Amino acid sequence: MLRAFRRQARSATLATACALAGLAPSAQAASLTLMSWNLNWLITPDTDRELRPVCKGQQPGSHTRALPCAPGRTPPPQRTGADFEALARVAQALRNHHHADVIALQEVDGAAAARMAFKEGWVADCFIQRAHPQKVGFAIRQGVPYRCNGDYTALDHDGHSRAGADITLWPDSPKAIRLLSVHLKSGCFSGKLDRNFSPCSGLREQVPIVERWIDARVREGTPFAVLGDFNRHLDKDSRYDAGPDENAPLNMLPAWSDNNPPGALLTRATDGERYVACTADDTHSRYIDDVLLSQSLMRRTTSSRFVRPSFDAILGPDVARTRLVSDHCPVGITLEMP
């Protein structure tokens, strides 16, 4: 079912895009590229100098302005000017060469930190109101109309989790699209969520919370996408059912893409796509970052193209290996609409 929906999306006329933005139409083609990128503790140098000397021995809660330095755990990266330059090169390549329109961001300490990477042609906005430096938000191509809808605070169910960032593209128009940026609990990458394992328990609590947001959009008839770091191998997850209890699901994606209410069906950007390593040193083999597209959004499109720019491709292997860019590289999808 998921793959069948994936096959629907690509090509749009500029007339549609201009109508979305309230501009005069022309006969050229237009597209919408949605991406997600976890930037691995992106903070400003000033914040680093302030917080690193007084780091905490365990992961701080949402209301604590601190960095962790737990024994045996990798500390947040301490970036140099050259590292920030490399990040900015990646962000510009996403805009200029991969034509990204909106990027859901994770592990970014608000707009000031995001602007260390997202400079000319980008607007960094709609970050969640969280003291902890790991926030979610968005980078939006300058000129794309949007509205911040506020934090989806229910996702921070325990005071140690990240709320969701919620925006609308082309608000108050018939072509409005709703986006939710998430960074879910880490550690339960595969297997049933009912295991006696703390990361799985935390993730299991978040799944119905995301489902409520999804189901509300379906009932409204609003096309939407959920983008982010799901900390879950959704390709494995999609093979199994959610179980009988909506409030205590056994798996993530089947709980969300269950056609209940009718139309609650999601398409993964990564569906059927091989894993593309960020660098030659990347040892991962499966995606945990993804873009999940609603049935209503897919029906608006005529075709789609998977987007996975590697750091090796953008920066060159030598620079990619020596710069502290991120332990995730961007992933996304280009949609074209008639």
C-alpha atoms as a PDB file:
ATOM      1  CA  MET A   1       0.000   0.000   0.000  1.00  0.00           C
ATOM      2  CA  LEU A   2       2.740   2.470   0.974  1.00  0.00           C
ATOM      3  CA  ARG A   3       4.765   1.830  -2.160  1.00  0.00           C
ATOM      4  CA  ALA A   4       1.689   2.194  -4.339  1.00  0.00           C
ATOM      5  CA  PHE A   5       1.135   5.718  -3.060  1.00  0.00           C
ATOM      6  CA  ARG A   6       4.813   6.548  -3.558  1.00  0.00           C
ATOM      7  CA  ARG A   7       4.493   5.928  -7.268  1.00  0.00           C
ATOM      8  CA  GLN A   8       2.022   8.780  -7.699  1.00  0.00           C
ATOM      9  CA  ALA A   9       4.166  11.901  -7.240  1.00  0.00           C
ATOM     10  CA  ARG A  10       6.178  14.369  -9.511  1.00  0.00           C
ATOM     11  CA  SER A  11       5.664  17.338 -12.030  1.00  0.00           C
ATOM     12  CA  ALA A  12       3.858  20.569 -11.322  1.00  0.00           C
ATOM     13  CA  THR A  13       3.245  23.729 -13.303  1.00  0.00           C
ATOM     14  CA  LEU A  14       4.461  27.094 -12.130  1.00  0.00           C
ATOM     15  CA  ALA A  15       0.862  28.203 -12.480  1.00  0.00           C
ATOM     16  CA  THR A  16       0.054  26.040  -9.453  1.00  0.00           C
ATOM     17  CA  ALA A  17       3.072  27.246  -7.495  1.00  0.00           C
ATOM     18  CA  CYS A  18       2.298  30.859  -8.284  1.00  0.00           C
ATOM     19  CA  ALA A  19      -1.323  30.356  -7.294  1.00  0.00           C
ATOM     20  CA  LEU A  20      -0.084  28.967  -3.986  1.00  0.00           C
ATOM     21  CA  ALA A  21       2.051  32.050  -3.408  1.00  0.00           C
ATOM     22  CA  GLY A  22      -0.565  34.462  -4.755  1.00  0.00           C
ATOM     23  CA  LEU A  23       1.460  35.334  -7.869  1.00  0.00           C
ATOM     24  CA  ALA A  24       0.625  35.499 -11.550  1.00  0.00           C
ATOM     25  CA  PRO A  25       0.871  32.113 -13.299  1.00  0.00           C
ATOM     26  CA  SER A  26       3.267  31.129 -16.059  1.00  0.00           C
ATOM     27  CA  ALA A  27       3.744  27.971 -18.087  1.00  0.00           C
ATOM     28  CA  GLN A  28       6.877  26.638 -16.385  1.00  0.00           C
ATOM     29  CA  ALA A  29       7.039  23.594 -14.104  1.00  0.00           C
ATOM     30  CA  ALA A  30       7.365  23.852 -10.322  1.00  0.00           C
ATOM     31  CA  SER A  31       7.975  21.420  -7.493  1.00  0.00           C
ATOM     32  CA  LEU A  32       8.062  21.213  -3.717  1.00  0.00           C
ATOM     33  CA  THR A  33      11.051  19.623  -1.982  1.00  0.00           C
ATOM     34  CA  LEU A  34      10.639  18.650   1.664  1.00  0.00           C
ATOM     35  CA  MET A  35      13.633  17.469   3.666  1.00  0.00           C
ATOM     36  CA  SER A  36      14.689  16.545   7.185  1.00  0.00           C
ATOM     37  CA  TRP A  37      18.110  17.008   8.768  1.00  0.00           C
ATOM     38  CA  ASN A  38      19.415  16.276  12.260  1.00  0.00           C
ATOM     39  CA  LEU A  39      22.393  18.600  12.827  1.00  0.00           C
ATOM     40  CA  ASN A  40      23.946  16.886  15.864  1.00  0.00           C
ATOM     41  CA  TRP A  41      23.941  19.473  18.655  1.00  0.00           C
ATOM     42  CA  LEU A  42      24.191  22.607  16.517  1.00  0.00           C
ATOM     43  CA  ILE A  43      24.865  25.460  18.953  1.00  0.00           C
ATOM     44  CA  THR A  44      26.590  28.819  18.547  1.00  0.00           C
ATOM     45  CA  PRO A  45      30.217  29.253  19.694  1.00  0.00           C
ATOM     46  CA  ASP A  46      29.022  31.633  22.431  1.00  0.00           C
ATOM     47  CA  THR A  47      26.613  29.023  23.762  1.00  0.00           C
ATOM     48  CA  ASP A  48      29.341  26.393  23.646  1.00  0.00           C
ATOM     49  CA  ARG A  49      31.663  28.599  25.704  1.00  0.00           C
ATOM     50  CA  GLU A  50      28.880  29.271  28.195  1.00  0.00           C
ATOM     51  CA  LEU A  51      27.565  25.737  28.699  1.00  0.00           C
ATOM     52  CA  ARG A  52      30.437  23.315  28.106  1.00  0.00           C
ATOM     53  CA  PRO A  53      32.403  24.210  31.281  1.00  0.00           C
ATOM     54  CA  VAL A  54      29.313  23.581  33.451  1.00  0.00           C
ATOM     55  CA  CYS A  55      27.967  20.494  31.668  1.00  0.00           C
ATOM     56  CA  LYS A  56      25.747  18.006  33.485  1.00  0.00           C
ATOM     57  CA  GLY A  57      26.590  14.377  34.240  1.00  0.00           C
ATOM     58  CA  GLN A  58      23.297  13.208  32.764  1.00  0.00           C
ATOM     59  CA  GLN A  59      20.943  14.288  29.987  1.00  0.00           C
ATOM     60  CA  PRO A  60      19.269  17.550  31.115  1.00  0.00           C
ATOM     61  CA  GLY A  61      15.498  17.869  31.140  1.00  0.00           C
ATOM     62  CA  SER A  62      13.578  20.042  28.712  1.00  0.00           C
ATOM     63  CA  HIS A  63      13.528  23.025  31.083  1.00  0.00           C
ATOM     64  CA  THR A  64      17.268  22.921  31.814  1.00  0.00           C
ATOM     65  CA  ARG A  65      19.701  25.047  29.811  1.00  0.00           C
ATOM     66  CA  ALA A  66      22.707  22.706  29.827  1.00  0.00           C
ATOM     67  CA  LEU A  67      24.877  20.311  27.834  1.00  0.00           C
ATOM     68  CA  PRO A  68      25.414  16.698  28.959  1.00  0.00           C
ATOM     69  CA  CYS A  69      28.837  15.219  29.693  1.00  0.00           C
ATOM     70  CA  ALA A  70      27.885  11.784  30.975  1.00  0.00           C
ATOM     71  CA  PRO A  71      30.819   9.406  31.575  1.00  0.00           C
ATOM     72  CA  GLY A  72      31.277   6.996  28.692  1.00  0.00           C
ATOM     73  CA  ARG A  73      29.047   9.003  26.339  1.00  0.00           C
ATOM     74  CA  THR A  74      30.268  10.987  23.335  1.00  0.00           C
ATOM     75  CA  PRO A  75      30.042  14.701  24.243  1.00  0.00           C
ATOM     76  CA  PRO A  76      28.375  17.220  21.928  1.00  0.00           C
ATOM     77  CA  PRO A  77      30.771  18.238  19.126  1.00  0.00           C
ATOM     78  CA  GLN A  78      32.837  21.391  19.610  1.00  0.00           C
ATOM     79  CA  ARG A  79      32.808  22.977  16.158  1.00  0.00           C
ATOM     80  CA  THR A  80      35.387  25.323  14.670  1.00  0.00           C
ATOM     81  CA  GLY A  81      34.905  28.090  12.134  1.00  0.00           C
ATOM     82  CA  ALA A  82      35.846  25.645   9.375  1.00  0.00           C
ATOM     83  CA  ASP A  83      33.155  23.238  10.575  1.00  0.00           C
ATOM     84  CA  PHE A  84      30.510  25.963  10.421  1.00  0.00           C
ATOM     85  CA  GLU A  85      31.704  26.888   6.926  1.00  0.00           C
ATOM     86  CA  ALA A  86      31.229  23.270   5.847  1.00  0.00           C
ATOM     87  CA  LEU A  87      27.717  23.248   7.308  1.00  0.00           C
ATOM     88  CA  ALA A  88      26.901  26.453   5.420  1.00  0.00           C
ATOM     89  CA  ARG A  89      28.174  24.889   2.183  1.00  0.00           C
ATOM     90  CA  VAL A  90      25.832  21.950   2.700  1.00  0.00           C
ATOM     91  CA  ALA A  91      22.872  24.239   3.429  1.00  0.00           C
ATOM     92  CA  GLN A  92      23.546  26.279   0.278  1.00  0.00           C
ATOM     93  CA  ALA A  93      23.849  23.114  -1.802  1.00  0.00           C
ATOM     94  CA  LEU A  94      20.488  21.951  -0.471  1.00  0.00           C
ATOM     95  CA  ARG A  95      18.950  25.216  -1.638  1.00  0.00           C
ATOM     96  CA  ASN A  96      20.769  25.808  -4.912  1.00  0.00           C
ATOM     97  CA  HIS A  97      21.391  22.307  -6.248  1.00  0.00           C
ATOM     98  CA  HIS A  98      18.776  20.125  -4.560  1.00  0.00           C
ATOM     99  CA  HIS A  99      16.114  22.858  -4.570  1.00  0.00           C
ATOM    100  CA  ALA A 100      14.988  22.263  -0.985  1.00  0.00           C
ATOM    101  CA  ASP A 101      12.022  24.435  -0.029  1.00  0.00           C
ATOM    102  CA  VAL A 102      11.548  23.389   3.589  1.00  0.00           C
ATOM    103  CA  ILE A 103      13.889  21.455   5.875  1.00  0.00           C
ATOM    104  CA  ALA A 104      12.688  20.095   9.210  1.00  0.00           C
ATOM    105  CA  LEU A 105      15.581  20.516  11.641  1.00  0.00           C
ATOM    106  CA  GLN A 106      16.493  18.515  14.736  1.00  0.00           C
ATOM    107  CA  GLU A 107      19.155  19.064  17.417  1.00  0.00           C
ATOM    108  CA  VAL A 108      19.457  22.783  16.692  1.00  0.00           C
ATOM    109  CA  ASP A 109      19.524  25.362  19.492  1.00  0.00           C
ATOM    110  CA  GLY A 110      17.019  27.726  17.922  1.00  0.00           C
ATOM    111  CA  ALA A 111      17.150  30.246  15.095  1.00  0.00           C
ATOM    112  CA  ALA A 112      20.501  31.815  16.041  1.00  0.00           C
ATOM    113  CA  ALA A 113      22.221  28.430  15.916  1.00  0.00           C
ATOM    114  CA  ALA A 114      20.441  27.504  12.681  1.00  0.00           C
ATOM    115  CA  ARG A 115      21.736  30.693  11.050  1.00  0.00           C
ATOM    116  CA  MET A 116      25.295  29.425  11.566  1.00  0.00           C
ATOM    117  CA  ALA A 117      24.464  27.059   8.686  1.00  0.00           C
ATOM    118  CA  PHE A 118      21.362  28.443   6.957  1.00  0.00           C
ATOM    119  CA  LYS A 119      22.369  31.848   5.649  1.00  0.00           C
ATOM    120  CA  GLU A 120      21.532  33.607   2.390  1.00  0.00           C
ATOM    121  CA  GLY A 121      18.181  32.562   0.965  1.00  0.00           C
ATOM    122  CA  TRP A 122      16.980  30.798   4.118  1.00  0.00           C
ATOM    123  CA  VAL A 123      14.663  31.713   6.990  1.00  0.00           C
ATOM    124  CA  ALA A 124      15.167  29.794  10.264  1.00  0.00           C
ATOM    125  CA  ASP A 125      11.981  29.857  12.326  1.00  0.00           C
ATOM    126  CA  CYS A 126       9.258  28.074  14.295  1.00  0.00           C
ATOM    127  CA  PHE A 127      11.614  26.434  16.806  1.00  0.00           C
ATOM    128  CA  ILE A 128      10.059  24.878  19.885  1.00  0.00           C
ATOM    129  CA  GLN A 129      10.235  26.826  23.135  1.00  0.00           C
ATOM    130  CA  ARG A 130      12.625  24.567  25.041  1.00  0.00           C
ATOM    131  CA  ALA A 131      15.528  25.559  27.308  1.00  0.00           C
ATOM    132  CA  HIS A 132      17.474  22.417  26.396  1.00  0.00           C
ATOM    133  CA  PRO A 133      19.766  23.072  23.388  1.00  0.00           C
ATOM    134  CA  GLN A 134      18.301  20.179  21.380  1.00  0.00           C
ATOM    135  CA  LYS A 135      15.316  21.758  19.658  1.00  0.00           C
ATOM    136  CA  VAL A 136      13.314  21.081  16.509  1.00  0.00           C
ATOM    137  CA  GLY A 137      12.245  23.722  14.016  1.00  0.00           C
ATOM    138  CA  PHE A 138      12.467  24.598  10.334  1.00  0.00           C
ATOM    139  CA  ALA A 139      14.620  26.194   7.666  1.00  0.00           C
ATOM    140  CA  ILE A 140      12.366  27.647   4.971  1.00  0.00           C
ATOM    141  CA  ARG A 141      13.381  28.922   1.557  1.00  0.00           C
ATOM    142  CA  GLN A 142      13.048  32.699   1.551  1.00  0.00           C
ATOM    143  CA  GLY A 143       9.825  33.661  -0.200  1.00  0.00           C
ATOM    144  CA  VAL A 144       7.822  30.544   0.684  1.00  0.00           C
ATOM    145  CA  PRO A 145       4.766  31.703   2.680  1.00  0.00           C
ATOM    146  CA  TYR A 146       4.386  29.976   6.050  1.00  0.00           C
ATOM    147  CA  ARG A 147       2.892  30.309   9.503  1.00  0.00           C
ATOM    148  CA  CYS A 148       4.217  28.945  12.809  1.00  0.00           C
ATOM    149  CA  ASN A 149       1.431  27.023  14.553  1.00  0.00           C
ATOM    150  CA  GLY A 150       3.157  26.720  17.920  1.00  0.00           C
ATOM    151  CA  ASP A 151       4.728  23.771  19.700  1.00  0.00           C
ATOM    152  CA  TYR A 152       3.108  20.355  19.728  1.00  0.00           C
ATOM    153  CA  THR A 153       3.902  20.103  23.420  1.00  0.00           C
ATOM    154  CA  ALA A 154       2.169  16.772  24.026  1.00  0.00           C
ATOM    155  CA  LEU A 155       5.216  14.986  22.591  1.00  0.00           C
ATOM    156  CA  ASP A 156       7.244  16.114  25.612  1.00  0.00           C
ATOM    157  CA  HIS A 157       5.183  13.772  27.746  1.00  0.00           C
ATOM    158  CA  ASP A 158       7.801  13.301  30.478  1.00  0.00           C
ATOM    159  CA  GLY A 159       9.664  16.617  30.629  1.00  0.00           C
ATOM    160  CA  HIS A 160      12.713  15.017  28.995  1.00  0.00           C
ATOM    161  CA  SER A 161      11.444  14.671  25.410  1.00  0.00           C
ATOM    162  CA  ARG A 162      11.228  17.057  22.474  1.00  0.00           C
ATOM    163  CA  ALA A 163       7.974  18.752  21.505  1.00  0.00           C
ATOM    164  CA  GLY A 164       7.043  18.896  17.828  1.00  0.00           C
ATOM    165  CA  ALA A 165       7.329  22.014  15.647  1.00  0.00           C
ATOM    166  CA  ASP A 166       4.185  22.640  13.597  1.00  0.00           C
ATOM    167  CA  ILE A 167       3.932  24.961  10.570  1.00  0.00           C
ATOM    168  CA  THR A 168       1.598  25.615   7.655  1.00  0.00           C
ATOM    169  CA  LEU A 169       2.882  26.395   4.172  1.00  0.00           C
ATOM    170  CA  TRP A 170       0.748  28.787   2.100  1.00  0.00           C
ATOM    171  CA  PRO A 171      -1.586  29.376   5.061  1.00  0.00           C
ATOM    172  CA  ASP A 172      -5.189  30.455   4.573  1.00  0.00           C
ATOM    173  CA  SER A 173      -5.195  29.242   0.985  1.00  0.00           C
ATOM    174  CA  PRO A 174      -6.771  26.202  -0.693  1.00  0.00           C
ATOM    175  CA  LYS A 175      -3.242  24.862  -1.238  1.00  0.00           C
ATOM    176  CA  ALA A 176      -2.182  24.917   2.425  1.00  0.00           C
ATOM    177  CA  ILE A 177       0.108  22.101   3.613  1.00  0.00           C
ATOM    178  CA  ARG A 178       0.715  21.335   7.281  1.00  0.00           C
ATOM    179  CA  LEU A 179       4.142  20.070   8.442  1.00  0.00           C
ATOM    180  CA  LEU A 180       5.219  18.561  11.762  1.00  0.00           C
ATOM    181  CA  SER A 181       8.927  18.294  12.616  1.00  0.00           C
ATOM    182  CA  VAL A 182       9.685  15.610  15.215  1.00  0.00           C
ATOM    183  CA  HIS A 183      12.648  14.089  17.016  1.00  0.00           C
ATOM    184  CA  LEU A 184      11.367  11.014  18.823  1.00  0.00           C
ATOM    185  CA  LYS A 185      12.865   8.949  21.650  1.00  0.00           C
ATOM    186  CA  SER A 186      16.124   7.220  20.767  1.00  0.00           C
ATOM    187  CA  GLY A 187      17.221   3.648  21.445  1.00  0.00           C
ATOM    188  CA  CYS A 188      14.316   1.477  20.238  1.00  0.00           C
ATOM    189  CA  PHE A 189      15.239   1.239  16.570  1.00  0.00           C
ATOM    190  CA  SER A 190      13.473  -2.046  15.793  1.00  0.00           C
ATOM    191  CA  GLY A 191      11.411  -4.779  17.423  1.00  0.00           C
ATOM    192  CA  LYS A 192       8.085  -4.480  19.188  1.00  0.00           C
ATOM    193  CA  LEU A 193       7.475  -1.425  21.321  1.00  0.00           C
ATOM    194  CA  ASP A 194       6.107  -3.458  24.239  1.00  0.00           C
ATOM    195  CA  ARG A 195       9.556  -4.740  25.201  1.00  0.00           C
ATOM    196  CA  ASN A 196      10.696  -4.188  28.786  1.00  0.00           C
ATOM    197  CA  PHE A 197      13.223  -1.562  27.707  1.00  0.00           C
ATOM    198  CA  SER A 198      13.021   2.091  28.725  1.00  0.00           C
ATOM    199  CA  PRO A 199      13.633   3.629  25.254  1.00  0.00           C
ATOM    200  CA  CYS A 200      10.857   1.452  23.797  1.00  0.00           C
ATOM    201  CA  SER A 201       8.463   2.443  26.577  1.00  0.00           C
ATOM    202  CA  GLY A 202       9.126   6.133  25.931  1.00  0.00           C
ATOM    203  CA  LEU A 203       8.727   5.772  22.182  1.00  0.00           C
ATOM    204  CA  ARG A 204       5.546   3.762  22.656  1.00  0.00           C
ATOM    205  CA  GLU A 205       4.039   6.669  24.586  1.00  0.00           C
ATOM    206  CA  GLN A 206       4.884   9.101  21.787  1.00  0.00           C
ATOM    207  CA  VAL A 207       3.349   7.065  18.953  1.00  0.00           C
ATOM    208  CA  PRO A 208      -0.325   7.706  19.892  1.00  0.00           C
ATOM    209  CA  ILE A 209       0.501  11.392  20.409  1.00  0.00           C
ATOM    210  CA  VAL A 210       1.764  11.711  16.835  1.00  0.00           C
ATOM    211  CA  GLU A 211      -1.221   9.672  15.657  1.00  0.00           C
ATOM    212  CA  ARG A 212      -3.616  12.171  17.214  1.00  0.00           C
ATOM    213  CA  TRP A 213      -1.966  14.982  15.231  1.00  0.00           C
ATOM    214  CA  ILE A 214      -2.134  12.903  12.031  1.00  0.00           C
ATOM    215  CA  ASP A 215      -5.773  11.927  12.528  1.00  0.00           C
ATOM    216  CA  ALA A 216      -6.758  15.545  13.221  1.00  0.00           C
ATOM    217  CA  ARG A 217      -5.250  16.637   9.894  1.00  0.00           C
ATOM    218  CA  VAL A 218      -7.015  13.803   8.050  1.00  0.00           C
ATOM    219  CA  ARG A 219     -10.368  14.797   9.534  1.00  0.00           C
ATOM    220  CA  GLU A 220      -9.725  18.435   8.559  1.00  0.00           C
ATOM    221  CA  GLY A 221      -8.893  17.384   5.009  1.00  0.00           C
ATOM    222  CA  THR A 222      -5.540  19.199   5.232  1.00  0.00           C
ATOM    223  CA  PRO A 223      -2.633  17.693   3.244  1.00  0.00           C
ATOM    224  CA  PHE A 224       0.338  17.178   5.550  1.00  0.00           C
ATOM    225  CA  ALA A 225       3.711  15.592   6.160  1.00  0.00           C
ATOM    226  CA  VAL A 226       5.506  14.429   9.295  1.00  0.00           C
ATOM    227  CA  LEU A 227       9.253  14.939   8.959  1.00  0.00           C
ATOM    228  CA  GLY A 228      12.130  14.202  11.256  1.00  0.00           C
ATOM    229  CA  ASP A 229      14.312  11.799  13.150  1.00  0.00           C
ATOM    230  CA  PHE A 230      12.009   8.940  14.110  1.00  0.00           C
ATOM    231  CA  ASN A 231      14.803   6.909  15.723  1.00  0.00           C
ATOM    232  CA  ARG A 232      13.147   3.884  14.169  1.00  0.00           C
ATOM    233  CA  HIS A 233      13.852   1.632  11.187  1.00  0.00           C
ATOM    234  CA  LEU A 234      10.523   2.307   9.515  1.00  0.00           C
ATOM    235  CA  ASP A 235      11.265  -0.086   6.655  1.00  0.00           C
ATOM    236  CA  LYS A 236      11.181  -2.940   9.189  1.00  0.00           C
ATOM    237  CA  ASP A 237       8.354  -1.401  11.185  1.00  0.00           C
ATOM    238  CA  SER A 238       6.038  -1.243   8.187  1.00  0.00           C
ATOM    239  CA  ARG A 239       6.030  -5.045   7.797  1.00  0.00           C
ATOM    240  CA  TYR A 240       4.058  -5.638  10.990  1.00  0.00           C
ATOM    241  CA  ASP A 241       0.732  -4.582  12.461  1.00  0.00           C
ATOM    242  CA  ALA A 242       0.140  -2.075  15.213  1.00  0.00           C
ATOM    243  CA  GLY A 243      -1.684  -4.454  17.542  1.00  0.00           C
ATOM    244  CA  PRO A 244      -5.214  -4.135  18.937  1.00  0.00           C
ATOM    245  CA  ASP A 245      -4.678  -1.212  21.347  1.00  0.00           C
ATOM    246  CA  GLU A 246      -4.367   2.215  19.714  1.00  0.00           C
ATOM    247  CA  ASN A 247      -3.022   3.690  22.942  1.00  0.00           C
ATOM    248  CA  ALA A 248      -0.355   1.003  23.367  1.00  0.00           C
ATOM    249  CA  PRO A 249       0.854   0.164  19.836  1.00  0.00           C
ATOM    250  CA  LEU A 250       3.320  -2.613  19.076  1.00  0.00           C
ATOM    251  CA  ASN A 251       4.819  -0.805  16.075  1.00  0.00           C
ATOM    252  CA  MET A 252       5.046   2.810  14.943  1.00  0.00           C
ATOM    253  CA  LEU A 253       4.249   3.221  11.255  1.00  0.00           C
ATOM    254  CA  PRO A 254       1.329   0.744  11.146  1.00  0.00           C
ATOM    255  CA  ALA A 255      -0.290   2.685  13.999  1.00  0.00           C
ATOM    256  CA  TRP A 256      -0.157   5.898  11.988  1.00  0.00           C
ATOM    257  CA  SER A 257      -0.854   4.516   8.516  1.00  0.00           C
ATOM    258  CA  ASP A 258      -3.978   2.506   9.384  1.00  0.00           C
ATOM    259  CA  ASN A 259      -6.681   4.187   7.265  1.00  0.00           C
ATOM    260  CA  ASN A 260      -8.500   5.060  10.482  1.00  0.00           C
ATOM    261  CA  PRO A 261      -9.975   7.587   9.994  1.00  0.00           C
ATOM    262  CA  PRO A 262     -10.329   6.907   6.257  1.00  0.00           C
ATOM    263  CA  GLY A 263      -7.431   8.548   4.447  1.00  0.00           C
ATOM    264  CA  ALA A 264      -4.929   8.052   7.278  1.00  0.00           C
ATOM    265  CA  LEU A 265      -2.380   6.440   4.978  1.00  0.00           C
ATOM    266  CA  LEU A 266       1.241   7.553   4.794  1.00  0.00           C
ATOM    267  CA  THR A 267       3.992   7.258   2.212  1.00  0.00           C
ATOM    268  CA  ARG A 268       7.650   7.099   3.266  1.00  0.00           C
ATOM    269  CA  ALA A 269      10.129   9.128   1.222  1.00  0.00           C
ATOM    270  CA  THR A 270      12.630   6.303   1.798  1.00  0.00           C
ATOM    271  CA  ASP A 271      10.278   3.509   0.713  1.00  0.00           C
ATOM    272  CA  GLY A 272      12.202   1.144  -1.563  1.00  0.00           C
ATOM    273  CA  GLU A 273      15.336   3.300  -1.482  1.00  0.00           C
ATOM    274  CA  ARG A 274      18.772   1.895  -0.651  1.00  0.00           C
ATOM    275  CA  TYR A 275      20.694   3.497   2.180  1.00  0.00           C
ATOM    276  CA  VAL A 276      23.090   6.196   0.937  1.00  0.00           C
ATOM    277  CA  ALA A 277      25.970   6.753   3.361  1.00  0.00           C
ATOM    278  CA  CYS A 278      26.725  10.315   4.486  1.00  0.00           C
ATOM    279  CA  THR A 279      30.489   9.738   4.222  1.00  0.00           C
ATOM    280  CA  ALA A 280      32.822   6.831   3.542  1.00  0.00           C
ATOM    281  CA  ASP A 281      33.035   6.354   7.327  1.00  0.00           C
ATOM    282  CA  ASP A 282      29.260   6.060   7.798  1.00  0.00           C
ATOM    283  CA  THR A 283      28.570   2.554   9.136  1.00  0.00           C
ATOM    284  CA  HIS A 284      24.763   2.781   9.227  1.00  0.00           C
ATOM    285  CA  SER A 285      22.688   0.664   6.871  1.00  0.00           C
ATOM    286  CA  ARG A 286      19.108   1.889   7.441  1.00  0.00           C
ATOM    287  CA  TYR A 287      17.314   5.217   7.604  1.00  0.00           C
ATOM    288  CA  ILE A 288      15.902   6.591  10.836  1.00  0.00           C
ATOM    289  CA  ASP A 289      15.254  10.036   9.310  1.00  0.00           C
ATOM    290  CA  ASP A 290      12.309  10.262   6.937  1.00  0.00           C
ATOM    291  CA  VAL A 291       9.492  12.302   5.439  1.00  0.00           C
ATOM    292  CA  LEU A 292       6.020  10.767   5.799  1.00  0.00           C
ATOM    293  CA  LEU A 293       3.483  12.134   3.329  1.00  0.00           C
ATOM    294  CA  SER A 294      -0.281  12.041   3.699  1.00  0.00           C
ATOM    295  CA  GLN A 295      -2.533  10.386   1.161  1.00  0.00           C
ATOM    296  CA  SER A 296      -4.131  13.772   0.473  1.00  0.00           C
ATOM    297  CA  LEU A 297      -0.741  15.321  -0.325  1.00  0.00           C
ATOM    298  CA  MET A 298       0.249  12.413  -2.555  1.00  0.00           C
ATOM    299  CA  ARG A 299      -3.017  12.731  -4.462  1.00  0.00           C
ATOM    300  CA  ARG A 300      -2.125  16.337  -5.198  1.00  0.00           C
ATOM    301  CA  THR A 301       1.110  15.253  -6.882  1.00  0.00           C
ATOM    302  CA  THR A 302       1.896  13.502 -10.144  1.00  0.00           C
ATOM    303  CA  SER A 303       5.349  12.062  -9.400  1.00  0.00           C
ATOM    304  CA  SER A 304       8.153  12.130  -6.850  1.00  0.00           C
ATOM    305  CA  ARG A 305      11.914  11.849  -6.562  1.00  0.00           C
ATOM    306  CA  PHE A 306      13.889  10.688  -3.538  1.00  0.00           C
ATOM    307  CA  VAL A 307      16.563  13.150  -2.370  1.00  0.00           C
ATOM    308  CA  ARG A 308      19.595  12.039  -0.340  1.00  0.00           C
ATOM    309  CA  PRO A 309      22.625  14.342  -0.680  1.00  0.00           C
ATOM    310  CA  SER A 310      25.723  12.918   1.001  1.00  0.00           C
ATOM    311  CA  PHE A 311      28.440  15.046   2.584  1.00  0.00           C
ATOM    312  CA  ASP A 312      30.984  13.296   0.373  1.00  0.00           C
ATOM    313  CA  ALA A 313      29.072  14.453  -2.716  1.00  0.00           C
ATOM    314  CA  ILE A 314      28.670  18.057  -1.531  1.00  0.00           C
ATOM    315  CA  LEU A 315      31.977  18.693   0.243  1.00  0.00           C
ATOM    316  CA  GLY A 316      34.245  16.059  -1.259  1.00  0.00           C
ATOM    317  CA  PRO A 317      35.438  13.007   0.718  1.00  0.00           C
ATOM    318  CA  ASP A 318      38.497  14.700   2.239  1.00  0.00           C
ATOM    319  CA  VAL A 319      36.593  17.673   3.652  1.00  0.00           C
ATOM    320  CA  ALA A 320      33.639  15.520   4.720  1.00  0.00           C
ATOM    321  CA  ARG A 321      35.924  13.286   6.782  1.00  0.00           C
ATOM    322  CA  THR A 322      37.771  16.109   8.528  1.00  0.00           C
ATOM    323  CA  ARG A 323      34.929  18.532   9.314  1.00  0.00           C
ATOM    324  CA  LEU A 324      32.402  18.150  12.149  1.00  0.00           C
ATOM    325  CA  VAL A 325      29.278  18.456  10.026  1.00  0.00           C
ATOM    326  CA  SER A 326      26.736  16.020  11.512  1.00  0.00           C
ATOM    327  CA  ASP A 327      26.225  12.337  12.206  1.00  0.00           C
ATOM    328  CA  HIS A 328      23.104  12.547   9.999  1.00  0.00           C
ATOM    329  CA  CYS A 329      22.845  13.854   6.451  1.00  0.00           C
ATOM    330  CA  PRO A 330      19.654  15.239   4.913  1.00  0.00           C
ATOM    331  CA  VAL A 331      16.915  13.090   3.444  1.00  0.00           C
ATOM    332  CA  GLY A 332      13.829  14.162   1.550  1.00  0.00           C
ATOM    333  CA  ILE A 333      11.551  14.026  -1.434  1.00  0.00           C
ATOM    334  CA  THR A 334      10.686  16.268  -4.375  1.00  0.00           C
ATOM    335  CA  LEU A 335       6.993  16.436  -5.270  1.00  0.00           C
ATOM    336  CA  GLU A 336       5.641  17.835  -8.497  1.00  0.00           C
ATOM    337  CA  MET A 337       2.040  18.960  -8.738  1.00  0.00           C
ATOM    338  CA  PRO A 338      -0.256  19.549 -11.717  1.00  0.00           C
END
